Amino acid sequence: MPDARLPLRRRHSALRTCITLFAPYGFRATYHHLTLSAAIPRRLEADPDALVWAVEELHEARVLWLTRAEEYAGRSSGL
C-alpha cells in the first residue's frame, strides 16, 4: 500500500523498484505503459495521485498474472 507520508520522489523510486520485480512487458515498456495510463507528470507534485493509480494498475496486473499462473500450474500437475 502506498505510504503518502513518504516524499514523492521516494514513492516514485519505490514504483520503479516494484517494476524491477514485476514487469510484464519488460522494465522500460511496463514503466512507459504505466506512465501513460496513469498520466504520471514530469513534475510529480502536479498530480501525486498518479503514482497511486500506477501502483494500483501494476498490482492488479500482478494479481491477474498470479491467478493465471496458479491455474496453469494446477492443469500442469494433473499430467
C-alpha atoms as a PDB file:
ATOM      1  CA  MET A   1       0.000   0.000   0.000  1.00  0.00           C
ATOM      2  CA  PRO A   2       1.397   3.413  -0.905  1.00  0.00           C
ATOM      3  CA  ASP A   3       2.600   5.483   2.029  1.00  0.00           C
ATOM      4  CA  ALA A   4       1.506   9.096   1.478  1.00  0.00           C
ATOM      5  CA  ARG A   5       3.878  10.240   4.222  1.00  0.00           C
ATOM      6  CA  LEU A   6       6.896   9.475   2.043  1.00  0.00           C
ATOM      7  CA  PRO A   7       8.267  12.155  -0.273  1.00  0.00           C
ATOM      8  CA  LEU A   8       7.045  11.902  -3.873  1.00  0.00           C
ATOM      9  CA  ARG A   9      10.492  11.113  -5.261  1.00  0.00           C
ATOM     10  CA  ARG A  10      10.820   8.219  -2.820  1.00  0.00           C
ATOM     11  CA  ARG A  11       7.389   6.888  -3.832  1.00  0.00           C
ATOM     12  CA  HIS A  12       8.349   7.205  -7.493  1.00  0.00           C
ATOM     13  CA  SER A  13      11.547   5.279  -6.800  1.00  0.00           C
ATOM     14  CA  ALA A  14       9.529   2.593  -4.996  1.00  0.00           C
ATOM     15  CA  LEU A  15       7.262   2.235  -8.045  1.00  0.00           C
ATOM     16  CA  ARG A  16      10.318   1.726 -10.250  1.00  0.00           C
ATOM     17  CA  THR A  17      11.622  -0.890  -7.796  1.00  0.00           C
ATOM     18  CA  CYS A  18       8.285  -2.701  -7.999  1.00  0.00           C
ATOM     19  CA  ILE A  19       8.601  -2.736 -11.771  1.00  0.00           C
ATOM     20  CA  THR A  20      12.021  -4.392 -11.487  1.00  0.00           C
ATOM     21  CA  LEU A  21      10.266  -7.217  -9.611  1.00  0.00           C
ATOM     22  CA  PHE A  22       7.196  -7.482 -11.872  1.00  0.00           C
ATOM     23  CA  ALA A  23       7.439  -6.142 -15.399  1.00  0.00           C
ATOM     24  CA  PRO A  24       5.029  -7.999 -17.672  1.00  0.00           C
ATOM     25  CA  TYR A  25       6.286  -6.115 -20.755  1.00  0.00           C
ATOM     26  CA  GLY A  26       9.891  -5.700 -19.621  1.00  0.00           C
ATOM     27  CA  PHE A  27      11.021  -2.817 -17.422  1.00  0.00           C
ATOM     28  CA  ARG A  28      11.035   0.029 -19.937  1.00  0.00           C
ATOM     29  CA  ALA A  29       7.796  -0.921 -21.679  1.00  0.00           C
ATOM     30  CA  THR A  30       5.969  -1.520 -18.381  1.00  0.00           C
ATOM     31  CA  TYR A  31       7.200   1.803 -16.961  1.00  0.00           C
ATOM     32  CA  HIS A  32       6.219   3.592 -20.172  1.00  0.00           C
ATOM     33  CA  HIS A  33       2.770   1.986 -20.142  1.00  0.00           C
ATOM     34  CA  LEU A  34       2.151   2.957 -16.511  1.00  0.00           C
ATOM     35  CA  THR A  35       3.427   6.488 -17.114  1.00  0.00           C
ATOM     36  CA  LEU A  36       0.911   6.935 -19.923  1.00  0.00           C
ATOM     37  CA  SER A  37      -2.062   5.099 -18.417  1.00  0.00           C
ATOM     38  CA  ALA A  38      -1.753   6.787 -15.017  1.00  0.00           C
ATOM     39  CA  ALA A  39      -0.727  10.101 -16.628  1.00  0.00           C
ATOM     40  CA  ILE A  40       2.312  10.495 -14.356  1.00  0.00           C
ATOM     41  CA  PRO A  41       3.511  14.077 -14.888  1.00  0.00           C
ATOM     42  CA  ARG A  42       7.177  15.082 -15.137  1.00  0.00           C
ATOM     43  CA  ARG A  43       6.626  17.212 -12.046  1.00  0.00           C
ATOM     44  CA  LEU A  44       5.223  14.669  -9.604  1.00  0.00           C
ATOM     45  CA  GLU A  45       3.860  17.475  -7.446  1.00  0.00           C
ATOM     46  CA  ALA A  46       1.375  18.319 -10.216  1.00  0.00           C
ATOM     47  CA  ASP A  47      -0.536  15.062  -9.626  1.00  0.00           C
ATOM     48  CA  PRO A  48       0.683  12.915  -6.710  1.00  0.00           C
ATOM     49  CA  ASP A  49      -2.285  10.557  -7.113  1.00  0.00           C
ATOM     50  CA  ALA A  50      -0.939   9.434 -10.481  1.00  0.00           C
ATOM     51  CA  LEU A  51       1.639   7.321  -8.636  1.00  0.00           C
ATOM     52  CA  VAL A  52      -1.141   5.649  -6.668  1.00  0.00           C
ATOM     53  CA  TRP A  53      -3.027   4.839  -9.875  1.00  0.00           C
ATOM     54  CA  ALA A  54       0.134   3.369 -11.418  1.00  0.00           C
ATOM     55  CA  VAL A  55       0.787   1.190  -8.364  1.00  0.00           C
ATOM     56  CA  GLU A  56      -2.830   0.003  -8.343  1.00  0.00           C
ATOM     57  CA  GLU A  57      -2.686  -0.929 -12.019  1.00  0.00           C
ATOM     58  CA  LEU A  58       0.595  -2.791 -11.562  1.00  0.00           C
ATOM     59  CA  HIS A  59      -0.826  -4.603  -8.523  1.00  0.00           C
ATOM     60  CA  GLU A  60      -3.986  -5.616 -10.413  1.00  0.00           C
ATOM     61  CA  ALA A  61      -1.864  -6.955 -13.278  1.00  0.00           C
ATOM     62  CA  ARG A  62       0.257  -8.964 -10.833  1.00  0.00           C
ATOM     63  CA  VAL A  63      -2.800 -10.457  -9.116  1.00  0.00           C
ATOM     64  CA  LEU A  64      -4.203 -11.483 -12.501  1.00  0.00           C
ATOM     65  CA  TRP A  65      -0.857 -12.942 -13.557  1.00  0.00           C
ATOM     66  CA  LEU A  66      -0.525 -14.918 -10.287  1.00  0.00           C
ATOM     67  CA  THR A  67      -4.063 -16.283 -10.663  1.00  0.00           C
ATOM     68  CA  ARG A  68      -3.358 -17.457 -14.194  1.00  0.00           C
ATOM     69  CA  ALA A  69      -0.011 -18.926 -13.158  1.00  0.00           C
ATOM     70  CA  GLU A  70      -1.719 -20.913 -10.384  1.00  0.00           C
ATOM     71  CA  GLU A  71      -4.387 -22.153 -12.810  1.00  0.00           C
ATOM     72  CA  TYR A  72      -1.699 -23.226 -15.259  1.00  0.00           C
ATOM     73  CA  ALA A  73       0.268 -24.985 -12.501  1.00  0.00           C
ATOM     74  CA  GLY A  74      -2.896 -26.809 -11.464  1.00  0.00           C
ATOM     75  CA  ARG A  75      -3.514 -28.038 -15.016  1.00  0.00           C
ATOM     76  CA  SER A  76       0.124 -28.988 -15.495  1.00  0.00           C
ATOM     77  CA  SER A  77       0.336 -31.001 -12.280  1.00  0.00           C
ATOM     78  CA  GLY A  78      -2.506 -33.248 -13.440  1.00  0.00           C
ATOM     79  CA  LEU A  79      -0.488 -34.541 -16.420  1.00  0.00           C
END
